[in-house]
């Protein structure tokens, strides 16, 4: 199982970014996918999760209405569209999936929101 995160960067407050996570080594379309983030000095928190079909998703209260998780099962890729970014969204963002009872993580991509 491999998860490769990409798309992070430096953006001004109010800006947008789209993160991507390319998955391989398992039947992607059968598993939930999640995005987590970890800010400096804080624990890792769940940001968004999407079911295997892509038909439903859940979000942390702090990002509801601003972030959208989606997936393309034909491309084995999950996305996180982040709009109206705030400085408190600054963190390393990680793709995640629990496959065959084991947690797998991407390598993380840094998102910095600053003017």
PDB file of N, CA and C in Angstrom:
ATOM      1  N   UNK A   1       0.845  -1.189   0.000  1.00  0.00           N
ATOM      2  CA  UNK A   1       0.000   0.000   0.000  1.00  0.00           C
ATOM      3  C   UNK A   1       0.882   1.240   0.000  1.00  0.00           C
ATOM      4  N   UNK A   2       0.569   2.156  -0.890  1.00  0.00           N
ATOM      5  CA  UNK A   2       1.319   3.415  -0.935  1.00  0.00           C
ATOM      6  C   UNK A   2       0.348   4.564  -1.156  1.00  0.00           C
ATOM      7  N   UNK A   3       0.550   5.628  -0.378  1.00  0.00           N
ATOM      8  CA  UNK A   3      -0.220   6.853  -0.515  1.00  0.00           C
ATOM      9  C   UNK A   3       0.761   7.995  -0.716  1.00  0.00           C
ATOM     10  N   UNK A   4       0.595   8.761  -1.779  1.00  0.00           N
ATOM     11  CA  UNK A   4       1.511   9.853  -2.098  1.00  0.00           C
ATOM     12  C   UNK A   4       0.730  11.160  -2.151  1.00  0.00           C
ATOM     13  N   UNK A   5       1.037  12.025  -1.174  1.00  0.00           N
ATOM     14  CA  UNK A   5       0.359  13.318  -1.064  1.00  0.00           C
ATOM     15  C   UNK A   5       1.082  14.373  -1.889  1.00  0.00           C
ATOM     16  N   UNK A   6       0.307  15.314  -2.425  1.00  0.00           N
ATOM     17  CA  UNK A   6       0.899  16.439  -3.143  1.00  0.00           C
ATOM     18  C   UNK A   6      -0.064  17.617  -3.149  1.00  0.00           C
ATOM     19  N   UNK A   7       0.453  18.780  -3.557  1.00  0.00           N
ATOM     20  CA  UNK A   7      -0.396  19.939  -3.754  1.00  0.00           C
ATOM     21  C   UNK A   7      -0.297  21.037  -2.715  1.00  0.00           C
ATOM     22  N   UNK A   8       0.477  20.819  -1.666  1.00  0.00           N
ATOM     23  CA  UNK A   8       0.612  21.852  -0.649  1.00  0.00           C
ATOM     24  C   UNK A   8       1.425  23.037  -1.146  1.00  0.00           C
ATOM     25  N   UNK A   9       1.486  24.067  -0.297  1.00  0.00           N
ATOM     26  CA  UNK A   9       2.252  25.246  -0.664  1.00  0.00           C
ATOM     27  C   UNK A   9       1.935  26.410   0.243  1.00  0.00           C
ATOM     28  N   UNK A  10       2.421  27.578  -0.161  1.00  0.00           N
ATOM     29  CA  UNK A  10       2.187  28.821   0.569  1.00  0.00           C
ATOM     30  C   UNK A  10       1.059  29.587  -0.125  1.00  0.00           C
ATOM     31  N   UNK A  11       0.074  30.006   0.650  1.00  0.00           N
ATOM     32  CA  UNK A  11      -1.064  30.723   0.085  1.00  0.00           C
ATOM     33  C   UNK A  11      -1.472  31.832   1.052  1.00  0.00           C
ATOM     34  N   UNK A  12      -1.992  32.912   0.525  1.00  0.00           N
ATOM     35  CA  UNK A  12      -2.456  34.008   1.361  1.00  0.00           C
ATOM     36  C   UNK A  12      -3.816  33.681   1.984  1.00  0.00           C
ATOM     37  N   UNK A  13      -4.118  34.288   3.125  1.00  0.00           N
ATOM     38  CA  UNK A  13      -5.463  34.104   3.711  1.00  0.00           C
ATOM     39  C   UNK A  13      -6.546  34.415   2.693  1.00  0.00           C
ATOM     40  N   UNK A  14      -7.568  33.574   2.670  1.00  0.00           N
ATOM     41  CA  UNK A  14      -8.636  33.709   1.701  1.00  0.00           C
ATOM     42  C   UNK A  14      -8.410  32.957   0.410  1.00  0.00           C
ATOM     43  N   UNK A  15      -7.210  32.437   0.234  1.00  0.00           N
ATOM     44  CA  UNK A  15      -6.875  31.719  -0.983  1.00  0.00           C
ATOM     45  C   UNK A  15      -7.339  30.271  -0.973  1.00  0.00           C
ATOM     46  N   UNK A  16      -6.962  29.564  -2.043  1.00  0.00           N
ATOM     47  CA  UNK A  16      -7.384  28.179  -2.226  1.00  0.00           C
ATOM     48  C   UNK A  16      -6.198  27.298  -2.606  1.00  0.00           C
ATOM     49  N   UNK A  17      -6.317  26.029  -2.257  1.00  0.00           N
ATOM     50  CA  UNK A  17      -5.374  24.997  -2.677  1.00  0.00           C
ATOM     51  C   UNK A  17      -6.151  23.704  -2.880  1.00  0.00           C
ATOM     52  N   UNK A  18      -5.629  22.856  -3.754  1.00  0.00           N
ATOM     53  CA  UNK A  18      -6.193  21.521  -3.893  1.00  0.00           C
ATOM     54  C   UNK A  18      -5.103  20.490  -3.645  1.00  0.00           C
ATOM     55  N   UNK A  19      -5.324  19.648  -2.660  1.00  0.00           N
ATOM     56  CA  UNK A  19      -4.405  18.556  -2.362  1.00  0.00           C
ATOM     57  C   UNK A  19      -4.848  17.306  -3.102  1.00  0.00           C
ATOM     58  N   UNK A  20      -3.876  16.482  -3.456  1.00  0.00           N
ATOM     59  CA  UNK A  20      -4.148  15.198  -4.099  1.00  0.00           C
ATOM     60  C   UNK A  20      -3.426  14.090  -3.358  1.00  0.00           C
ATOM     61  N   UNK A  21      -3.998  12.901  -3.408  1.00  0.00           N
ATOM     62  CA  UNK A  21      -3.364  11.718  -2.829  1.00  0.00           C
ATOM     63  C   UNK A  21      -3.538  10.567  -3.808  1.00  0.00           C
ATOM     64  N   UNK A  22      -2.436  10.112  -4.369  1.00  0.00           N
ATOM     65  CA  UNK A  22      -2.456   8.992  -5.299  1.00  0.00           C
ATOM     66  C   UNK A  22      -2.222   7.704  -4.532  1.00  0.00           C
ATOM     67  N   UNK A  23      -3.130   6.755  -4.685  1.00  0.00           N
ATOM     68  CA  UNK A  23      -3.073   5.500  -3.938  1.00  0.00           C
ATOM     69  C   UNK A  23      -2.720   4.340  -4.855  1.00  0.00           C
ATOM     70  N   UNK A  24      -2.039   3.351  -4.291  1.00  0.00           N
ATOM     71  CA  UNK A  24      -1.708   2.151  -5.037  1.00  0.00           C
ATOM     72  C   UNK A  24      -1.507   0.990  -4.065  1.00  0.00           C
ATOM     73  N   UNK A  25      -1.605  -0.224  -4.602  1.00  0.00           N
ATOM     74  CA  UNK A  25      -1.331  -1.398  -3.782  1.00  0.00           C
ATOM     75  C   UNK A  25      -2.532  -2.012  -3.101  1.00  0.00           C
ATOM     76  N   UNK A  26      -3.710  -1.449  -3.340  1.00  0.00           N
ATOM     77  CA  UNK A  26      -4.932  -2.017  -2.778  1.00  0.00           C
ATOM     78  C   UNK A  26      -6.107  -1.604  -3.672  1.00  0.00           C
ATOM     79  N   UNK A  27      -7.257  -2.222  -3.428  1.00  0.00           N
ATOM     80  CA  UNK A  27      -8.441  -1.921  -4.238  1.00  0.00           C
ATOM     81  C   UNK A  27      -9.071  -0.635  -3.720  1.00  0.00           C
ATOM     82  N   UNK A  28      -8.615   0.462  -4.270  1.00  0.00           N
ATOM     83  CA  UNK A  28      -8.945   1.801  -3.788  1.00  0.00           C
ATOM     84  C   UNK A  28     -10.450   2.007  -3.633  1.00  0.00           C
ATOM     85  N   UNK A  29     -11.217   1.542  -4.578  1.00  0.00           N
ATOM     86  CA  UNK A  29     -12.651   1.826  -4.612  1.00  0.00           C
ATOM     87  C   UNK A  29     -13.425   1.148  -3.492  1.00  0.00           C
ATOM     88  N   UNK A  30     -12.776   0.293  -2.725  1.00  0.00           N
ATOM     89  CA  UNK A  30     -13.467  -0.437  -1.658  1.00  0.00           C
ATOM     90  C   UNK A  30     -13.302   0.207  -0.289  1.00  0.00           C
ATOM     91  N   UNK A  31     -12.454   1.251  -0.192  1.00  0.00           N
ATOM     92  CA  UNK A  31     -12.090   1.765   1.127  1.00  0.00           C
ATOM     93  C   UNK A  31     -12.404   3.250   1.303  1.00  0.00           C
ATOM     94  N   UNK A  32     -12.783   3.563   2.558  1.00  0.00           N
ATOM     95  CA  UNK A  32     -12.891   4.959   2.931  1.00  0.00           C
ATOM     96  C   UNK A  32     -11.513   5.610   2.805  1.00  0.00           C
ATOM     97  N   UNK A  33     -11.506   6.898   2.520  1.00  0.00           N
ATOM     98  CA  UNK A  33     -10.267   7.679   2.496  1.00  0.00           C
ATOM     99  C   UNK A  33     -10.453   8.919   3.364  1.00  0.00           C
ATOM    100  N   UNK A  34      -9.363   9.337   3.983  1.00  0.00           N
ATOM    101  CA  UNK A  34      -9.435  10.470   4.904  1.00  0.00           C
ATOM    102  C   UNK A  34      -8.262  11.414   4.680  1.00  0.00           C
ATOM    103  N   UNK A  35      -8.476  12.650   5.096  1.00  0.00           N
ATOM    104  CA  UNK A  35      -7.393  13.632   5.204  1.00  0.00           C
ATOM    105  C   UNK A  35      -7.295  14.041   6.686  1.00  0.00           C
ATOM    106  N   UNK A  36      -6.072  14.043   7.186  1.00  0.00           N
ATOM    107  CA  UNK A  36      -5.762  14.521   8.527  1.00  0.00           C
ATOM    108  C   UNK A  36      -4.796  15.696   8.385  1.00  0.00           C
ATOM    109  N   UNK A  37      -4.651  16.440   9.468  1.00  0.00           N
ATOM    110  CA  UNK A  37      -3.625  17.483   9.491  1.00  0.00           C
ATOM    111  C   UNK A  37      -3.007  17.567  10.880  1.00  0.00           C
ATOM    112  N   UNK A  38      -1.782  18.065  10.887  1.00  0.00           N
ATOM    113  CA  UNK A  38      -1.072  18.256  12.154  1.00  0.00           C
ATOM    114  C   UNK A  38      -0.365  19.596  12.122  1.00  0.00           C
ATOM    115  N   UNK A  39      -0.798  20.489  13.005  1.00  0.00           N
ATOM    116  CA  UNK A  39      -0.180  21.799  13.124  1.00  0.00           C
ATOM    117  C   UNK A  39       0.983  21.714  14.105  1.00  0.00           C
ATOM    118  N   UNK A  40       1.930  22.647  14.028  1.00  0.00           N
ATOM    119  CA  UNK A  40       3.074  22.621  14.945  1.00  0.00           C
ATOM    120  C   UNK A  40       2.635  22.591  16.402  1.00  0.00           C
ATOM    121  N   UNK A  41       3.194  21.637  17.161  1.00  0.00           N
ATOM    122  CA  UNK A  41       2.892  21.548  18.580  1.00  0.00           C
ATOM    123  C   UNK A  41       1.542  20.964  18.921  1.00  0.00           C
ATOM    124  N   UNK A  42       0.820  20.458  17.919  1.00  0.00           N
ATOM    125  CA  UNK A  42      -0.515  19.906  18.156  1.00  0.00           C
ATOM    126  C   UNK A  42      -0.593  18.469  17.661  1.00  0.00           C
ATOM    127  N   UNK A  43      -1.639  17.779  18.095  1.00  0.00           N
ATOM    128  CA  UNK A  43      -1.860  16.413  17.654  1.00  0.00           C
ATOM    129  C   UNK A  43      -2.461  16.363  16.262  1.00  0.00           C
ATOM    130  N   UNK A  44      -2.457  15.179  15.689  1.00  0.00           N
ATOM    131  CA  UNK A  44      -3.035  15.001  14.362  1.00  0.00           C
ATOM    132  C   UNK A  44      -4.555  14.965  14.474  1.00  0.00           C
ATOM    133  N   UNK A  45      -5.248  15.703  13.617  1.00  0.00           N
ATOM    134  CA  UNK A  45      -6.710  15.749  13.674  1.00  0.00           C
ATOM    135  C   UNK A  45      -7.318  15.367  12.338  1.00  0.00           C
ATOM    136  N   UNK A  46      -8.488  14.731  12.408  1.00  0.00           N
ATOM    137  CA  UNK A  46      -9.222  14.349  11.205  1.00  0.00           C
ATOM    138  C   UNK A  46      -9.874  15.591  10.610  1.00  0.00           C
ATOM    139  N   UNK A  47      -9.631  15.803   9.335  1.00  0.00           N
ATOM    140  CA  UNK A  47     -10.191  16.949   8.626  1.00  0.00           C
ATOM    141  C   UNK A  47     -11.436  16.555   7.836  1.00  0.00           C
ATOM    142  N   UNK A  48     -11.337  15.448   7.085  1.00  0.00           N
ATOM    143  CA  UNK A  48     -12.456  15.030   6.233  1.00  0.00           C
ATOM    144  C   UNK A  48     -12.308  13.560   5.918  1.00  0.00           C
ATOM    145  N   UNK A  49     -13.453  12.923   5.681  1.00  0.00           N
ATOM    146  CA  UNK A  49     -13.469  11.510   5.317  1.00  0.00           C
ATOM    147  C   UNK A  49     -14.542  11.290   4.278  1.00  0.00           C
ATOM    148  N   UNK A  50     -14.259  10.388   3.330  1.00  0.00           N
ATOM    149  CA  UNK A  50     -15.206  10.104   2.259  1.00  0.00           C
ATOM    150  C   UNK A  50     -15.389   8.595   2.145  1.00  0.00           C
ATOM    151  N   UNK A  51     -16.632   8.173   1.912  1.00  0.00           N
ATOM    152  CA  UNK A  51     -16.900   6.744   1.807  1.00  0.00           C
ATOM    153  C   UNK A  51     -16.373   6.190   0.482  1.00  0.00           C
ATOM    154  N   UNK A  52     -16.391   4.877   0.358  1.00  0.00           N
ATOM    155  CA  UNK A  52     -15.745   4.226  -0.776  1.00  0.00           C
ATOM    156  C   UNK A  52     -16.325   4.650  -2.126  1.00  0.00           C
ATOM    157  N   UNK A  53     -17.634   4.841  -2.185  1.00  0.00           N
ATOM    158  CA  UNK A  53     -18.271   5.224  -3.445  1.00  0.00           C
ATOM    159  C   UNK A  53     -18.123   6.709  -3.760  1.00  0.00           C
ATOM    160  N   UNK A  54     -17.779   7.494  -2.751  1.00  0.00           N
ATOM    161  CA  UNK A  54     -17.711   8.939  -2.923  1.00  0.00           C
ATOM    162  C   UNK A  54     -19.036   9.641  -2.698  1.00  0.00           C
ATOM    163  N   UNK A  55     -20.064   8.892  -2.322  1.00  0.00           N
ATOM    164  CA  UNK A  55     -21.402   9.458  -2.205  1.00  0.00           C
ATOM    165  C   UNK A  55     -21.681  10.231  -0.936  1.00  0.00           C
ATOM    166  N   UNK A  56     -20.787  10.128   0.039  1.00  0.00           N
ATOM    167  CA  UNK A  56     -21.011  10.825   1.305  1.00  0.00           C
ATOM    168  C   UNK A  56     -19.674  11.168   1.946  1.00  0.00           C
ATOM    169  N   UNK A  57     -19.647  12.272   2.669  1.00  0.00           N
ATOM    170  CA  UNK A  57     -18.423  12.703   3.323  1.00  0.00           C
ATOM    171  C   UNK A  57     -18.747  13.396   4.640  1.00  0.00           C
ATOM    172  N   UNK A  58     -17.779  13.369   5.538  1.00  0.00           N
ATOM    173  CA  UNK A  58     -17.894  14.077   6.817  1.00  0.00           C
ATOM    174  C   UNK A  58     -16.710  15.023   6.968  1.00  0.00           C
ATOM    175  N   UNK A  59     -16.944  16.097   7.750  1.00  0.00           N
ATOM    176  CA  UNK A  59     -15.920  17.118   7.911  1.00  0.00           C
ATOM    177  C   UNK A  59     -15.796  17.545   9.368  1.00  0.00           C
ATOM    178  N   UNK A  60     -14.599  17.960   9.729  1.00  0.00           N
ATOM    179  CA  UNK A  60     -14.422  18.619  11.019  1.00  0.00           C
ATOM    180  C   UNK A  60     -15.182  19.937  11.002  1.00  0.00           C
ATOM    181  N   UNK A  61     -15.694  20.314  12.161  1.00  0.00           N
ATOM    182  CA  UNK A  61     -16.474  21.560  12.234  1.00  0.00           C
ATOM    183  C   UNK A  61     -15.659  22.762  11.757  1.00  0.00           C
ATOM    184  N   UNK A  62     -14.367  22.721  12.005  1.00  0.00           N
ATOM    185  CA  UNK A  62     -13.512  23.856  11.685  1.00  0.00           C
ATOM    186  C   UNK A  62     -13.358  24.095  10.188  1.00  0.00           C
ATOM    187  N   UNK A  63     -13.701  23.099   9.348  1.00  0.00           N
ATOM    188  CA  UNK A  63     -13.512  23.260   7.906  1.00  0.00           C
ATOM    189  C   UNK A  63     -14.817  23.151   7.116  1.00  0.00           C
ATOM    190  N   UNK A  64     -15.907  22.866   7.786  1.00  0.00           N
ATOM    191  CA  UNK A  64     -17.196  22.724   7.087  1.00  0.00           C
ATOM    192  C   UNK A  64     -17.530  23.993   6.315  1.00  0.00           C
ATOM    193  N   UNK A  65     -17.966  23.790   5.079  1.00  0.00           N
ATOM    194  CA  UNK A  65     -18.317  24.922   4.226  1.00  0.00           C
ATOM    195  C   UNK A  65     -17.146  25.533   3.490  1.00  0.00           C
ATOM    196  N   UNK A  66     -15.921  25.129   3.848  1.00  0.00           N
ATOM    197  CA  UNK A  66     -14.729  25.678   3.187  1.00  0.00           C
ATOM    198  C   UNK A  66     -13.951  24.596   2.436  1.00  0.00           C
ATOM    199  N   UNK A  67     -13.923  23.392   2.968  1.00  0.00           N
ATOM    200  CA  UNK A  67     -13.162  22.288   2.364  1.00  0.00           C
ATOM    201  C   UNK A  67     -14.131  21.278   1.752  1.00  0.00           C
ATOM    202  N   UNK A  68     -13.685  20.640   0.676  1.00  0.00           N
ATOM    203  CA  UNK A  68     -14.464  19.578   0.039  1.00  0.00           C
ATOM    204  C   UNK A  68     -13.547  18.408  -0.290  1.00  0.00           C
ATOM    205  N   UNK A  69     -13.905  17.228   0.202  1.00  0.00           N
ATOM    206  CA  UNK A  69     -13.174  16.013  -0.137  1.00  0.00           C
ATOM    207  C   UNK A  69     -13.900  15.323  -1.281  1.00  0.00           C
ATOM    208  N   UNK A  70     -13.138  14.784  -2.215  1.00  0.00           N
ATOM    209  CA  UNK A  70     -13.720  14.053  -3.332  1.00  0.00           C
ATOM    210  C   UNK A  70     -12.749  12.954  -3.750  1.00  0.00           C
ATOM    211  N   UNK A  71     -13.216  12.065  -4.599  1.00  0.00           N
ATOM    212  CA  UNK A  71     -12.365  10.977  -5.053  1.00  0.00           C
ATOM    213  C   UNK A  71     -12.702  10.608  -6.475  1.00  0.00           C
ATOM    214  N   UNK A  72     -11.696  10.096  -7.166  1.00  0.00           N
ATOM    215  CA  UNK A  72     -11.863   9.563  -8.512  1.00  0.00           C
ATOM    216  C   UNK A  72     -11.397   8.110  -8.459  1.00  0.00           C
ATOM    217  N   UNK A  73     -12.332   7.184  -8.383  1.00  0.00           N
ATOM    218  CA  UNK A  73     -11.972   5.776  -8.234  1.00  0.00           C
ATOM    219  C   UNK A  73     -11.320   5.208  -9.495  1.00  0.00           C
ATOM    220  N   UNK A  74     -11.530   5.838 -10.622  1.00  0.00           N
ATOM    221  CA  UNK A  74     -10.873   5.398 -11.855  1.00  0.00           C
ATOM    222  C   UNK A  74      -9.390   5.766 -11.851  1.00  0.00           C
ATOM    223  N   UNK A  75      -9.047   6.827 -11.114  1.00  0.00           N
ATOM    224  CA  UNK A  75      -7.657   7.285 -11.043  1.00  0.00           C
ATOM    225  C   UNK A  75      -6.989   6.932  -9.714  1.00  0.00           C
ATOM    226  N   UNK A  76      -7.721   6.243  -8.828  1.00  0.00           N
ATOM    227  CA  UNK A  76      -7.168   5.887  -7.510  1.00  0.00           C
ATOM    228  C   UNK A  76      -6.618   7.116  -6.782  1.00  0.00           C
ATOM    229  N   UNK A  77      -7.395   8.175  -6.801  1.00  0.00           N
ATOM    230  CA  UNK A  77      -6.935   9.442  -6.239  1.00  0.00           C
ATOM    231  C   UNK A  77      -8.045  10.076  -5.404  1.00  0.00           C
ATOM    232  N   UNK A  78      -7.640  10.639  -4.269  1.00  0.00           N
ATOM    233  CA  UNK A  78      -8.547  11.410  -3.431  1.00  0.00           C
ATOM    234  C   UNK A  78      -8.030  12.844  -3.372  1.00  0.00           C
ATOM    235  N   UNK A  79      -8.955  13.778  -3.303  1.00  0.00           N
ATOM    236  CA  UNK A  79      -8.617  15.201  -3.335  1.00  0.00           C
ATOM    237  C   UNK A  79      -9.163  15.915  -2.105  1.00  0.00           C
ATOM    238  N   UNK A  80      -8.548  17.029  -1.788  1.00  0.00           N
ATOM    239  CA  UNK A  80      -9.091  17.930  -0.774  1.00  0.00           C
ATOM    240  C   UNK A  80      -9.016  19.348  -1.336  1.00  0.00           C
ATOM    241  N   UNK A  81     -10.167  19.872  -1.704  1.00  0.00           N
ATOM    242  CA  UNK A  81     -10.248  21.252  -2.172  1.00  0.00           C
ATOM    243  C   UNK A  81     -10.429  22.157  -0.964  1.00  0.00           C
ATOM    244  N   UNK A  82      -9.511  23.091  -0.794  1.00  0.00           N
ATOM    245  CA  UNK A  82      -9.520  23.967   0.375  1.00  0.00           C
ATOM    246  C   UNK A  82      -9.705  25.407  -0.089  1.00  0.00           C
ATOM    247  N   UNK A  83     -10.808  26.004   0.301  1.00  0.00           N
ATOM    248  CA  UNK A  83     -11.128  27.390  -0.051  1.00  0.00           C
ATOM    249  C   UNK A  83     -11.178  28.249   1.205  1.00  0.00           C
ATOM    250  N   UNK A  84     -11.138  29.542   1.007  1.00  0.00           N
ATOM    251  CA  UNK A  84     -11.214  30.498   2.127  1.00  0.00           C
ATOM    252  C   UNK A  84     -10.248  30.124   3.240  1.00  0.00           C
ATOM    253  N   UNK A  85      -9.028  29.854   2.858  1.00  0.00           N
ATOM    254  CA  UNK A  85      -8.034  29.383   3.829  1.00  0.00           C
ATOM    255  C   UNK A  85      -7.709  30.446   4.867  1.00  0.00           C
ATOM    256  N   UNK A  86      -7.461  29.969   6.080  1.00  0.00           N
ATOM    257  CA  UNK A  86      -7.151  30.821   7.224  1.00  0.00           C
ATOM    258  C   UNK A  86      -5.769  30.462   7.769  1.00  0.00           C
ATOM    259  N   UNK A  87      -5.124  31.383   8.463  1.00  0.00           N
ATOM    260  CA  UNK A  87      -3.816  31.057   9.044  1.00  0.00           C
ATOM    261  C   UNK A  87      -3.868  29.816   9.939  1.00  0.00           C
ATOM    262  N   UNK A  88      -4.980  29.592  10.610  1.00  0.00           N
ATOM    263  CA  UNK A  88      -5.083  28.417  11.482  1.00  0.00           C
ATOM    264  C   UNK A  88      -5.207  27.102  10.719  1.00  0.00           C
ATOM    265  N   UNK A  89      -5.327  27.171   9.405  1.00  0.00           N
ATOM    266  CA  UNK A  89      -5.294  25.954   8.586  1.00  0.00           C
ATOM    267  C   UNK A  89      -3.857  25.503   8.295  1.00  0.00           C
ATOM    268  N   UNK A  90      -2.891  26.295   8.691  1.00  0.00           N
ATOM    269  CA  UNK A  90      -1.490  25.935   8.477  1.00  0.00           C
ATOM    270  C   UNK A  90      -1.158  24.638   9.204  1.00  0.00           C
ATOM    271  N   UNK A  91      -0.650  23.665   8.455  1.00  0.00           N
ATOM    272  CA  UNK A  91      -0.365  22.338   9.011  1.00  0.00           C
ATOM    273  C   UNK A  91       0.252  21.473   7.926  1.00  0.00           C
ATOM    274  N   UNK A  92       0.731  20.311   8.347  1.00  0.00           N
ATOM    275  CA  UNK A  92       1.065  19.262   7.393  1.00  0.00           C
ATOM    276  C   UNK A  92      -0.187  18.400   7.226  1.00  0.00           C
ATOM    277  N   UNK A  93      -0.577  18.191   5.985  1.00  0.00           N
ATOM    278  CA  UNK A  93      -1.784  17.433   5.668  1.00  0.00           C
ATOM    279  C   UNK A  93      -1.396  16.038   5.186  1.00  0.00           C
ATOM    280  N   UNK A  94      -2.093  15.038   5.716  1.00  0.00           N
ATOM    281  CA  UNK A  94      -1.797  13.635   5.428  1.00  0.00           C
ATOM    282  C   UNK A  94      -3.030  12.912   4.890  1.00  0.00           C
ATOM    283  N   UNK A  95      -2.813  12.158   3.859  1.00  0.00           N
ATOM    284  CA  UNK A  95      -3.829  11.237   3.357  1.00  0.00           C
ATOM    285  C   UNK A  95      -3.775   9.966   4.211  1.00  0.00           C
ATOM    286  N   UNK A  96      -4.928   9.318   4.386  1.00  0.00           N
ATOM    287  CA  UNK A  96      -4.993   8.135   5.250  1.00  0.00           C
ATOM    288  C   UNK A  96      -6.027   7.150   4.755  1.00  0.00           C
ATOM    289  N   UNK A  97      -5.722   5.864   4.959  1.00  0.00           N
ATOM    290  CA  UNK A  97      -6.727   4.836   4.761  1.00  0.00           C
ATOM    291  C   UNK A  97      -6.420   3.647   5.672  1.00  0.00           C
ATOM    292  N   UNK A  98      -7.475   2.996   6.113  1.00  0.00           N
ATOM    293  CA  UNK A  98      -7.325   1.794   6.915  1.00  0.00           C
ATOM    294  C   UNK A  98      -7.633   0.598   6.016  1.00  0.00           C
ATOM    295  N   UNK A  99      -6.582  -0.160   5.691  1.00  0.00           N
ATOM    296  CA  UNK A  99      -6.696  -1.248   4.727  1.00  0.00           C
ATOM    297  C   UNK A  99      -6.313  -2.546   5.419  1.00  0.00           C
ATOM    298  N   UNK A 100      -7.199  -3.543   5.346  1.00  0.00           N
ATOM    299  CA  UNK A 100      -6.944  -4.840   5.988  1.00  0.00           C
ATOM    300  C   UNK A 100      -6.556  -4.670   7.461  1.00  0.00           C
ATOM    301  N   UNK A 101      -7.197  -3.715   8.147  1.00  0.00           N
ATOM    302  CA  UNK A 101      -6.967  -3.509   9.566  1.00  0.00           C
ATOM    303  C   UNK A 101      -5.735  -2.700   9.913  1.00  0.00           C
ATOM    304  N   UNK A 102      -5.016  -2.215   8.954  1.00  0.00           N
ATOM    305  CA  UNK A 102      -3.784  -1.452   9.186  1.00  0.00           C
ATOM    306  C   UNK A 102      -3.950  -0.028   8.668  1.00  0.00           C
ATOM    307  N   UNK A 103      -3.482   0.939   9.484  1.00  0.00           N
ATOM    308  CA  UNK A 103      -3.527   2.339   9.061  1.00  0.00           C
ATOM    309  C   UNK A 103      -2.342   2.632   8.135  1.00  0.00           C
ATOM    310  N   UNK A 104      -2.646   3.291   7.032  1.00  0.00           N
ATOM    311  CA  UNK A 104      -1.599   3.732   6.119  1.00  0.00           C
ATOM    312  C   UNK A 104      -1.684   5.238   5.955  1.00  0.00           C
ATOM    313  N   UNK A 105      -0.501   5.856   5.804  1.00  0.00           N
ATOM    314  CA  UNK A 105      -0.412   7.311   5.734  1.00  0.00           C
ATOM    315  C   UNK A 105       0.430   7.747   4.542  1.00  0.00           C
ATOM    316  N   UNK A 106       0.044   8.869   3.952  1.00  0.00           N
ATOM    317  CA  UNK A 106       0.917   9.516   3.004  1.00  0.00           C
ATOM    318  C   UNK A 106       2.080  10.167   3.723  1.00  0.00           C
ATOM    319  N   UNK A 107       3.006  10.711   2.944  1.00  0.00           N
ATOM    320  CA  UNK A 107       4.195  11.310   3.540  1.00  0.00           C
ATOM    321  C   UNK A 107       3.933  12.718   4.068  1.00  0.00           C
ATOM    322  N   UNK A 108       2.784  13.273   3.719  1.00  0.00           N
ATOM    323  CA  UNK A 108       2.410  14.599   4.181  1.00  0.00           C
ATOM    324  C   UNK A 108       2.800  15.682   3.195  1.00  0.00           C
ATOM    325  N   UNK A 109       1.983  16.731   3.153  1.00  0.00           N
ATOM    326  CA  UNK A 109       2.273  17.893   2.325  1.00  0.00           C
ATOM    327  C   UNK A 109       1.999  19.147   3.152  1.00  0.00           C
ATOM    328  N   UNK A 110       2.947  20.079   3.133  1.00  0.00           N
ATOM    329  CA  UNK A 110       2.855  21.267   3.980  1.00  0.00           C
ATOM    330  C   UNK A 110       1.940  22.305   3.345  1.00  0.00           C
ATOM    331  N   UNK A 111       1.010  22.802   4.145  1.00  0.00           N
ATOM    332  CA  UNK A 111       0.159  23.924   3.746  1.00  0.00           C
ATOM    333  C   UNK A 111       0.437  25.077   4.708  1.00  0.00           C
ATOM    334  N   UNK A 112       0.834  26.200   4.167  1.00  0.00           N
ATOM    335  CA  UNK A 112       1.104  27.387   4.974  1.00  0.00           C
ATOM    336  C   UNK A 112       0.232  28.530   4.478  1.00  0.00           C
ATOM    337  N   UNK A 113      -0.563  29.079   5.388  1.00  0.00           N
ATOM    338  CA  UNK A 113      -1.453  30.188   5.053  1.00  0.00           C
ATOM    339  C   UNK A 113      -0.926  31.431   5.772  1.00  0.00           C
ATOM    340  N   UNK A 114      -0.399  32.351   4.993  1.00  0.00           N
ATOM    341  CA  UNK A 114       0.234  33.524   5.580  1.00  0.00           C
ATOM    342  C   UNK A 114       0.287  34.656   4.555  1.00  0.00           C
ATOM    343  N   UNK A 115       0.192  35.879   5.064  1.00  0.00           N
ATOM    344  CA  UNK A 115       0.332  37.032   4.183  1.00  0.00           C
ATOM    345  C   UNK A 115       1.780  37.523   4.162  1.00  0.00           C
TER     346      UNK A 115
END
